[in-house]
């Protein structure tokens, strides 16, 4: 399991603080880590376009064998609702979602409600236990290249809040 591998890696780090940032399913991986093997070092968490509330696009694609294979086991767990059963991480957590509706998800699933990032709706990215939520005019993939998003992540990791 990927969460176990991440836990083993984090245990090898000789540092007092470990902040974690995860994009898309990486955010769900971080939540799995804290459910199964919470790291000992303190730190903060930021998720970027993570499907905390599931994914309509993934549900739609899961109907086809090719996409089930392509999406892998992590998406299967997500669709089965496993993350809804996990306890909340005992860390300050910030959630960033996108509102620029551009991406493959819109092409593969035409009924994606707005606002969305082209793959996930803002509602699907929300996580009630998070300390802060922030919506930025970015697509799901565009988050990976945004300086404005990087500044927001740095602000949250440093001070526990996004800049407004």
N, C-alpha and C. Protein backbone atom coordinates (compact mmCIF):
# COMPACT_ATOMS: atom_id res chain seq x y z
N UNK A 1 0.85 -1.18 0.00
CA UNK A 1 0.00 0.00 0.00
C UNK A 1 0.90 1.25 0.00
N UNK A 2 0.50 2.24 -0.77
CA UNK A 2 1.30 3.46 -0.89
C UNK A 2 1.44 4.22 0.41
N UNK A 3 0.40 4.22 1.23
CA UNK A 3 0.47 4.92 2.52
C UNK A 3 1.54 4.30 3.42
N UNK A 4 1.67 2.98 3.39
CA UNK A 4 2.71 2.31 4.18
C UNK A 4 4.10 2.69 3.67
N UNK A 5 4.26 2.74 2.36
CA UNK A 5 5.56 3.13 1.79
C UNK A 5 5.92 4.56 2.19
N UNK A 6 4.94 5.44 2.14
CA UNK A 6 5.19 6.82 2.55
C UNK A 6 5.54 6.88 4.03
N UNK A 7 4.85 6.13 4.85
CA UNK A 7 5.15 6.10 6.29
C UNK A 7 6.57 5.63 6.55
N UNK A 8 7.00 4.59 5.84
CA UNK A 8 8.38 4.10 6.00
C UNK A 8 9.39 5.16 5.58
N UNK A 9 9.11 5.84 4.47
CA UNK A 9 10.02 6.89 4.02
C UNK A 9 10.10 8.02 5.05
N UNK A 10 8.96 8.48 5.54
CA UNK A 10 8.95 9.58 6.51
C UNK A 10 9.69 9.20 7.79
N UNK A 11 9.63 7.93 8.17
CA UNK A 11 10.32 7.47 9.38
C UNK A 11 11.84 7.55 9.22
N UNK A 12 12.33 7.57 8.00
CA UNK A 12 13.78 7.64 7.77
C UNK A 12 14.31 9.06 7.82
N UNK A 13 13.43 10.05 7.81
CA UNK A 13 13.87 11.45 7.77
C UNK A 13 14.36 11.90 9.14
N UNK A 14 15.50 12.53 9.14
CA UNK A 14 16.07 13.07 10.37
C UNK A 14 15.73 14.56 10.44
N UNK A 15 14.47 14.84 10.79
CA UNK A 15 14.00 16.21 10.86
C UNK A 15 12.93 16.32 11.93
N UNK A 16 12.79 17.52 12.46
CA UNK A 16 11.81 17.74 13.52
C UNK A 16 10.40 17.97 12.99
N UNK A 17 10.29 18.51 11.77
CA UNK A 17 9.00 18.87 11.21
C UNK A 17 8.87 18.31 9.79
N UNK A 18 7.69 17.78 9.48
CA UNK A 18 7.41 17.30 8.12
C UNK A 18 6.06 17.87 7.69
N UNK A 19 6.11 18.76 6.70
CA UNK A 19 4.89 19.27 6.08
C UNK A 19 4.62 18.40 4.86
N UNK A 20 3.35 18.19 4.56
CA UNK A 20 2.98 17.36 3.42
C UNK A 20 2.03 18.12 2.50
N UNK A 21 2.30 18.05 1.21
CA UNK A 21 1.46 18.69 0.20
C UNK A 21 1.13 17.62 -0.84
N UNK A 22 -0.15 17.45 -1.14
CA UNK A 22 -0.55 16.43 -2.10
C UNK A 22 -1.55 16.96 -3.11
N UNK A 23 -1.27 16.68 -4.39
CA UNK A 23 -2.18 17.06 -5.47
C UNK A 23 -3.05 15.87 -5.86
N UNK A 24 -4.33 16.12 -6.04
CA UNK A 24 -5.28 15.13 -6.51
C UNK A 24 -5.29 13.91 -5.57
N UNK A 25 -5.02 12.72 -6.10
CA UNK A 25 -5.01 11.53 -5.24
C UNK A 25 -3.88 11.57 -4.22
N UNK A 26 -2.88 12.42 -4.44
CA UNK A 26 -1.83 12.59 -3.43
C UNK A 26 -2.39 13.11 -2.12
N UNK A 27 -3.43 13.95 -2.19
CA UNK A 27 -4.10 14.42 -0.98
C UNK A 27 -4.81 13.30 -0.25
N UNK A 28 -5.38 12.38 -1.01
CA UNK A 28 -6.05 11.22 -0.40
C UNK A 28 -5.00 10.28 0.19
N UNK A 29 -3.86 10.16 -0.47
CA UNK A 29 -2.76 9.36 0.07
C UNK A 29 -2.30 9.90 1.42
N UNK A 30 -2.21 11.20 1.55
CA UNK A 30 -1.82 11.81 2.83
C UNK A 30 -2.85 11.48 3.90
N UNK A 31 -4.13 11.55 3.56
CA UNK A 31 -5.16 11.18 4.54
C UNK A 31 -5.07 9.71 4.92
N UNK A 32 -4.77 8.84 3.95
CA UNK A 32 -4.60 7.41 4.25
C UNK A 32 -3.42 7.21 5.19
N UNK A 33 -2.34 7.94 4.94
CA UNK A 33 -1.17 7.88 5.81
C UNK A 33 -1.56 8.16 7.26
N UNK A 34 -2.32 9.22 7.46
CA UNK A 34 -2.70 9.60 8.83
C UNK A 34 -3.72 8.65 9.43
N UNK A 35 -4.48 7.99 8.61
CA UNK A 35 -5.43 7.01 9.14
C UNK A 35 -4.71 5.73 9.58
N UNK A 36 -3.77 5.27 8.77
CA UNK A 36 -3.12 3.98 9.03
C UNK A 36 -1.82 4.09 9.82
N UNK A 37 -0.99 5.10 9.54
CA UNK A 37 0.33 5.19 10.17
C UNK A 37 0.75 6.65 10.34
N UNK A 38 0.15 7.38 11.26
CA UNK A 38 0.49 8.80 11.39
C UNK A 38 1.98 9.01 11.68
N UNK A 39 2.61 9.94 10.97
CA UNK A 39 4.02 10.21 11.24
C UNK A 39 4.21 10.83 12.63
N UNK A 40 5.38 10.65 13.17
CA UNK A 40 5.66 11.17 14.52
C UNK A 40 6.01 12.65 14.51
N UNK A 41 6.56 13.15 13.40
CA UNK A 41 6.97 14.56 13.34
C UNK A 41 5.74 15.46 13.16
N UNK A 42 5.74 16.61 13.82
CA UNK A 42 4.66 17.57 13.60
C UNK A 42 4.81 18.25 12.23
N UNK A 43 3.76 18.90 11.80
CA UNK A 43 3.79 19.62 10.53
C UNK A 43 2.38 19.93 10.08
N UNK A 44 2.28 20.57 8.94
CA UNK A 44 0.98 20.93 8.37
C UNK A 44 0.75 20.17 7.07
N UNK A 45 -0.50 20.19 6.62
CA UNK A 45 -0.90 19.49 5.39
C UNK A 45 -1.63 20.48 4.48
N UNK A 46 -1.33 20.41 3.19
CA UNK A 46 -2.12 21.14 2.19
C UNK A 46 -2.47 20.15 1.08
N UNK A 47 -3.75 20.11 0.72
CA UNK A 47 -4.16 19.30 -0.42
C UNK A 47 -4.61 20.23 -1.54
N UNK A 48 -4.30 19.81 -2.77
CA UNK A 48 -4.59 20.60 -3.96
C UNK A 48 -5.48 19.78 -4.89
N UNK A 49 -6.71 20.19 -5.06
CA UNK A 49 -7.61 19.48 -5.95
C UNK A 49 -7.75 18.01 -5.60
N UNK A 50 -7.85 17.71 -4.33
CA UNK A 50 -7.99 16.32 -3.88
C UNK A 50 -9.48 15.96 -3.80
N UNK A 51 -9.85 14.76 -4.23
CA UNK A 51 -11.26 14.37 -4.24
C UNK A 51 -11.75 13.88 -2.87
N UNK A 52 -11.71 14.75 -1.88
CA UNK A 52 -12.13 14.36 -0.53
C UNK A 52 -13.57 13.87 -0.50
N UNK A 53 -14.42 14.44 -1.35
CA UNK A 53 -15.82 14.06 -1.38
C UNK A 53 -16.18 13.14 -2.53
N UNK A 54 -15.19 12.42 -3.06
CA UNK A 54 -15.43 11.54 -4.19
C UNK A 54 -15.20 12.24 -5.52
N UNK A 55 -15.54 11.58 -6.60
CA UNK A 55 -15.32 12.13 -7.93
C UNK A 55 -16.36 11.59 -8.91
N UNK A 56 -17.20 12.48 -9.42
CA UNK A 56 -18.19 12.09 -10.42
C UNK A 56 -17.53 11.57 -11.68
N UNK A 57 -16.45 12.23 -12.08
CA UNK A 57 -15.74 11.81 -13.29
C UNK A 57 -15.21 10.39 -13.11
N UNK A 58 -14.58 10.12 -11.96
CA UNK A 58 -14.04 8.77 -11.71
C UNK A 58 -15.18 7.74 -11.66
N UNK A 59 -16.30 8.08 -11.07
CA UNK A 59 -17.45 7.16 -11.04
C UNK A 59 -17.91 6.85 -12.46
N UNK A 60 -17.97 7.87 -13.29
CA UNK A 60 -18.39 7.69 -14.68
C UNK A 60 -17.39 6.80 -15.43
N UNK A 61 -16.11 7.08 -15.30
CA UNK A 61 -15.09 6.32 -16.02
C UNK A 61 -14.98 4.89 -15.51
N UNK A 62 -15.30 4.68 -14.24
CA UNK A 62 -15.19 3.35 -13.63
C UNK A 62 -16.13 2.33 -14.27
N UNK A 63 -17.07 2.79 -15.05
CA UNK A 63 -18.00 1.88 -15.74
C UNK A 63 -17.34 1.13 -16.89
N UNK A 64 -16.14 1.55 -17.27
CA UNK A 64 -15.45 0.97 -18.42
C UNK A 64 -14.16 0.28 -17.96
N UNK A 65 -13.94 -0.94 -18.39
CA UNK A 65 -12.80 -1.75 -17.95
C UNK A 65 -11.47 -1.03 -18.18
N UNK A 66 -11.31 -0.40 -19.33
CA UNK A 66 -10.03 0.28 -19.60
C UNK A 66 -9.75 1.35 -18.56
N UNK A 67 -10.75 2.17 -18.26
CA UNK A 67 -10.53 3.25 -17.30
C UNK A 67 -10.35 2.72 -15.88
N UNK A 68 -11.04 1.63 -15.52
CA UNK A 68 -10.80 1.02 -14.20
C UNK A 68 -9.34 0.62 -14.08
N UNK A 69 -8.82 -0.02 -15.14
CA UNK A 69 -7.41 -0.43 -15.15
C UNK A 69 -6.50 0.80 -15.10
N UNK A 70 -6.78 1.81 -15.90
CA UNK A 70 -5.94 3.01 -15.98
C UNK A 70 -5.93 3.80 -14.67
N UNK A 71 -7.07 3.85 -14.00
CA UNK A 71 -7.16 4.64 -12.75
C UNK A 71 -6.52 3.93 -11.58
N UNK A 72 -6.51 2.61 -11.57
CA UNK A 72 -5.81 1.87 -10.54
C UNK A 72 -6.57 1.67 -9.25
N UNK A 73 -5.88 1.04 -8.29
CA UNK A 73 -6.49 0.65 -7.02
C UNK A 73 -6.83 1.84 -6.13
N UNK A 74 -6.04 2.90 -6.21
CA UNK A 74 -6.31 4.08 -5.38
C UNK A 74 -7.68 4.67 -5.67
N UNK A 75 -8.03 4.73 -6.93
CA UNK A 75 -9.34 5.26 -7.30
C UNK A 75 -10.44 4.29 -6.89
N UNK A 76 -10.16 3.00 -6.98
CA UNK A 76 -11.15 2.00 -6.54
C UNK A 76 -11.48 2.20 -5.07
N UNK A 77 -10.48 2.45 -4.24
CA UNK A 77 -10.73 2.72 -2.81
C UNK A 77 -11.55 3.99 -2.63
N UNK A 78 -11.21 5.00 -3.41
CA UNK A 78 -11.94 6.26 -3.33
C UNK A 78 -13.41 6.04 -3.67
N UNK A 79 -13.65 5.33 -4.76
CA UNK A 79 -15.03 5.09 -5.20
C UNK A 79 -15.80 4.21 -4.22
N UNK A 80 -15.10 3.34 -3.52
CA UNK A 80 -15.74 2.49 -2.51
C UNK A 80 -16.07 3.27 -1.24
N UNK A 81 -15.61 4.51 -1.15
CA UNK A 81 -15.92 5.36 0.00
C UNK A 81 -14.97 5.24 1.17
N UNK A 82 -13.85 4.56 1.00
CA UNK A 82 -12.91 4.36 2.11
C UNK A 82 -12.50 5.67 2.80
N UNK A 83 -12.16 6.74 2.05
CA UNK A 83 -11.73 7.97 2.74
C UNK A 83 -12.79 8.56 3.67
N UNK A 84 -14.05 8.31 3.39
CA UNK A 84 -15.11 8.85 4.28
C UNK A 84 -15.08 8.20 5.65
N UNK A 85 -14.49 7.00 5.73
CA UNK A 85 -14.42 6.26 6.99
C UNK A 85 -13.19 6.61 7.81
N UNK A 86 -12.21 7.25 7.19
CA UNK A 86 -10.95 7.53 7.88
C UNK A 86 -11.09 8.69 8.86
N UNK A 87 -10.34 8.60 9.94
CA UNK A 87 -10.32 9.70 10.90
C UNK A 87 -9.59 10.89 10.28
N UNK A 88 -9.87 12.06 10.79
CA UNK A 88 -9.22 13.27 10.28
C UNK A 88 -7.79 13.35 10.79
N UNK A 89 -6.88 13.82 9.95
CA UNK A 89 -5.49 14.00 10.41
C UNK A 89 -5.44 14.95 11.60
N UNK A 90 -4.59 14.66 12.55
CA UNK A 90 -4.44 15.51 13.73
C UNK A 90 -3.41 16.60 13.44
N UNK A 91 -3.62 17.31 12.38
CA UNK A 91 -2.73 18.39 11.92
C UNK A 91 -3.58 19.53 11.38
N UNK A 92 -2.98 20.72 11.35
CA UNK A 92 -3.64 21.81 10.64
C UNK A 92 -3.60 21.47 9.16
N UNK A 93 -4.75 21.63 8.53
CA UNK A 93 -4.85 21.24 7.13
C UNK A 93 -5.51 22.34 6.32
N UNK A 94 -4.92 22.64 5.17
CA UNK A 94 -5.49 23.60 4.23
C UNK A 94 -5.85 22.88 2.94
N UNK A 95 -6.96 23.31 2.34
CA UNK A 95 -7.45 22.69 1.11
C UNK A 95 -7.58 23.77 0.04
N UNK A 96 -6.97 23.52 -1.10
CA UNK A 96 -7.09 24.43 -2.24
C UNK A 96 -7.79 23.68 -3.37
N UNK A 97 -8.79 24.34 -3.96
CA UNK A 97 -9.48 23.77 -5.11
C UNK A 97 -9.43 24.77 -6.25
N UNK A 98 -9.67 24.28 -7.45
CA UNK A 98 -9.66 25.13 -8.63
C UNK A 98 -11.06 25.41 -9.13
N UNK A 99 -11.20 26.53 -9.85
CA UNK A 99 -12.50 26.90 -10.41
C UNK A 99 -12.42 27.16 -11.92
N UNK A 100 -11.28 26.89 -12.53
CA UNK A 100 -11.15 27.08 -13.98
C UNK A 100 -11.50 25.77 -14.67
N UNK A 101 -12.68 25.73 -15.25
CA UNK A 101 -13.25 24.50 -15.79
C UNK A 101 -12.62 24.12 -17.13
N UNK A 102 -11.42 23.59 -17.06
CA UNK A 102 -10.69 23.19 -18.25
C UNK A 102 -9.96 21.89 -17.94
N UNK A 103 -10.21 20.86 -18.73
CA UNK A 103 -9.49 19.63 -18.48
C UNK A 103 -10.16 18.41 -19.09
N UNK A 104 -9.45 17.31 -19.00
CA UNK A 104 -9.89 16.05 -19.57
C UNK A 104 -11.21 15.57 -18.98
N UNK A 105 -11.41 15.82 -17.71
CA UNK A 105 -12.65 15.41 -17.06
C UNK A 105 -13.89 15.97 -17.73
N UNK A 106 -13.80 17.21 -18.17
CA UNK A 106 -14.94 17.84 -18.87
C UNK A 106 -15.21 17.17 -20.20
N UNK A 107 -14.17 16.68 -20.86
CA UNK A 107 -14.35 16.00 -22.14
C UNK A 107 -14.94 14.61 -21.96
N UNK A 108 -14.53 13.93 -20.89
CA UNK A 108 -14.96 12.56 -20.65
C UNK A 108 -16.30 12.48 -19.92
N UNK A 109 -16.66 13.54 -19.23
CA UNK A 109 -17.92 13.58 -18.49
C UNK A 109 -18.51 14.96 -18.66
N UNK A 110 -19.43 15.08 -19.56
CA UNK A 110 -19.97 16.39 -19.94
C UNK A 110 -20.88 17.03 -18.89
N UNK A 111 -21.37 16.26 -17.94
CA UNK A 111 -22.31 16.80 -16.96
C UNK A 111 -21.67 17.31 -15.68
N UNK A 112 -20.38 17.61 -15.70
CA UNK A 112 -19.69 18.04 -14.49
C UNK A 112 -20.22 19.40 -14.02
N UNK A 113 -20.84 19.44 -12.84
CA UNK A 113 -21.38 20.71 -12.34
C UNK A 113 -20.29 21.75 -12.08
N UNK A 114 -20.67 22.99 -12.22
CA UNK A 114 -19.75 24.10 -11.92
C UNK A 114 -20.05 24.62 -10.52
N UNK A 115 -19.09 25.20 -9.86
CA UNK A 115 -17.71 25.41 -10.28
C UNK A 115 -16.90 24.12 -10.18
N UNK A 116 -15.96 23.99 -11.12
CA UNK A 116 -15.08 22.83 -11.12
C UNK A 116 -13.72 23.22 -11.70
N UNK A 117 -12.76 22.31 -11.55
CA UNK A 117 -11.41 22.56 -12.06
C UNK A 117 -11.13 21.79 -13.36
N UNK A 118 -12.19 21.28 -13.97
CA UNK A 118 -12.05 20.47 -15.17
C UNK A 118 -12.04 18.98 -14.88
N UNK A 119 -11.92 18.63 -13.60
CA UNK A 119 -11.94 17.22 -13.19
C UNK A 119 -12.79 17.02 -11.94
N UNK A 120 -12.66 17.93 -10.99
CA UNK A 120 -13.40 17.84 -9.72
C UNK A 120 -14.21 19.11 -9.49
N UNK A 121 -15.37 18.94 -8.88
CA UNK A 121 -16.14 20.11 -8.47
C UNK A 121 -15.53 20.68 -7.19
N UNK A 122 -15.83 21.92 -6.92
CA UNK A 122 -15.38 22.54 -5.67
C UNK A 122 -15.92 21.75 -4.49
N UNK A 123 -17.16 21.30 -4.60
CA UNK A 123 -17.77 20.51 -3.52
C UNK A 123 -17.01 19.21 -3.29
N UNK A 124 -16.57 18.54 -4.36
CA UNK A 124 -15.83 17.28 -4.21
C UNK A 124 -14.46 17.50 -3.58
N UNK A 125 -13.89 18.68 -3.75
CA UNK A 125 -12.58 18.99 -3.18
C UNK A 125 -12.65 19.43 -1.72
N UNK A 126 -13.83 19.79 -1.26
CA UNK A 126 -13.98 20.30 0.11
C UNK A 126 -13.71 19.21 1.14
N UNK A 127 -13.18 19.63 2.28
CA UNK A 127 -12.94 18.70 3.39
C UNK A 127 -13.33 19.43 4.67
N UNK A 128 -14.47 19.08 5.25
CA UNK A 128 -14.98 19.82 6.41
C UNK A 128 -14.00 19.94 7.58
N UNK A 129 -13.12 18.97 7.78
CA UNK A 129 -12.20 19.02 8.91
C UNK A 129 -11.01 19.95 8.67
N UNK A 130 -10.87 20.47 7.46
CA UNK A 130 -9.74 21.36 7.16
C UNK A 130 -9.89 22.68 7.89
N UNK A 131 -8.76 23.25 8.26
CA UNK A 131 -8.77 24.54 8.93
C UNK A 131 -9.14 25.66 7.96
N UNK A 132 -8.63 25.57 6.75
CA UNK A 132 -8.87 26.61 5.74
C UNK A 132 -9.18 25.99 4.39
N UNK A 133 -10.04 26.66 3.64
CA UNK A 133 -10.35 26.29 2.26
C UNK A 133 -10.10 27.53 1.39
N UNK A 134 -9.59 27.28 0.20
CA UNK A 134 -9.31 28.38 -0.72
C UNK A 134 -9.61 27.92 -2.14
N UNK A 135 -10.38 28.71 -2.88
CA UNK A 135 -10.65 28.42 -4.29
C UNK A 135 -9.86 29.41 -5.14
N UNK A 136 -9.13 28.90 -6.10
CA UNK A 136 -8.34 29.73 -7.01
C UNK A 136 -8.78 29.46 -8.45
N UNK A 137 -8.68 30.47 -9.34
CA UNK A 137 -9.10 30.30 -10.73
C UNK A 137 -8.08 29.48 -11.53
N UNK A 138 -7.97 28.20 -11.17
CA UNK A 138 -6.99 27.31 -11.80
C UNK A 138 -7.67 26.02 -12.21
N UNK A 139 -7.13 25.38 -13.24
CA UNK A 139 -7.60 24.05 -13.62
C UNK A 139 -6.90 23.02 -12.76
N UNK A 140 -7.38 21.79 -12.84
CA UNK A 140 -6.80 20.71 -12.04
C UNK A 140 -5.30 20.56 -12.32
N UNK A 141 -4.93 20.50 -13.57
CA UNK A 141 -3.52 20.38 -13.93
C UNK A 141 -2.79 21.70 -13.77
N UNK A 142 -3.47 22.80 -14.02
CA UNK A 142 -2.85 24.12 -13.90
C UNK A 142 -2.34 24.42 -12.49
N UNK A 143 -2.91 23.75 -11.49
CA UNK A 143 -2.44 23.95 -10.11
C UNK A 143 -0.95 23.65 -9.98
N UNK A 144 -0.49 22.69 -10.76
CA UNK A 144 0.91 22.25 -10.66
C UNK A 144 1.90 23.29 -11.15
N UNK A 145 1.42 24.29 -11.88
CA UNK A 145 2.30 25.27 -12.51
C UNK A 145 2.07 26.69 -12.02
N UNK A 146 1.25 26.88 -11.03
CA UNK A 146 0.84 28.21 -10.58
C UNK A 146 1.74 28.77 -9.47
N UNK A 147 2.32 29.91 -9.75
CA UNK A 147 3.11 30.60 -8.71
C UNK A 147 2.21 31.11 -7.59
N UNK A 148 1.02 31.58 -7.94
CA UNK A 148 0.09 32.08 -6.92
C UNK A 148 -0.28 30.95 -5.97
N UNK A 149 -0.52 29.76 -6.50
CA UNK A 149 -0.83 28.61 -5.65
C UNK A 149 0.38 28.27 -4.78
N UNK A 150 1.56 28.27 -5.35
CA UNK A 150 2.77 27.95 -4.58
C UNK A 150 2.94 28.93 -3.41
N UNK A 151 2.64 30.22 -3.65
CA UNK A 151 2.73 31.20 -2.56
C UNK A 151 1.71 30.89 -1.46
N UNK A 152 0.52 30.46 -1.85
CA UNK A 152 -0.51 30.13 -0.87
C UNK A 152 -0.11 28.90 -0.06
N UNK A 153 0.45 27.91 -0.72
CA UNK A 153 0.92 26.71 -0.01
C UNK A 153 1.99 27.10 0.99
N UNK A 154 2.95 27.90 0.56
CA UNK A 154 4.04 28.33 1.46
C UNK A 154 3.48 29.11 2.65
N UNK A 155 2.51 29.98 2.40
CA UNK A 155 1.91 30.76 3.49
C UNK A 155 1.25 29.84 4.51
N UNK A 156 0.51 28.84 4.02
CA UNK A 156 -0.15 27.93 4.95
C UNK A 156 0.86 27.08 5.73
N UNK A 157 1.86 26.59 5.06
CA UNK A 157 2.85 25.77 5.76
C UNK A 157 3.61 26.60 6.80
N UNK A 158 3.81 27.87 6.51
CA UNK A 158 4.55 28.73 7.45
C UNK A 158 3.69 29.20 8.62
N UNK A 159 2.45 29.63 8.33
CA UNK A 159 1.63 30.29 9.36
C UNK A 159 0.30 29.60 9.67
N UNK A 160 -0.06 28.55 8.93
CA UNK A 160 -1.32 27.88 9.20
C UNK A 160 -2.53 28.57 8.63
N UNK A 161 -2.32 29.49 7.68
CA UNK A 161 -3.43 30.12 7.00
C UNK A 161 -3.01 30.64 5.65
N UNK A 162 -4.00 30.69 4.74
CA UNK A 162 -3.75 31.24 3.42
C UNK A 162 -3.78 32.75 3.50
N UNK A 163 -3.16 33.42 2.53
CA UNK A 163 -3.23 34.87 2.49
C UNK A 163 -4.47 35.27 1.71
N UNK A 164 -5.09 36.32 2.13
CA UNK A 164 -6.33 36.78 1.44
C UNK A 164 -6.07 38.11 0.78
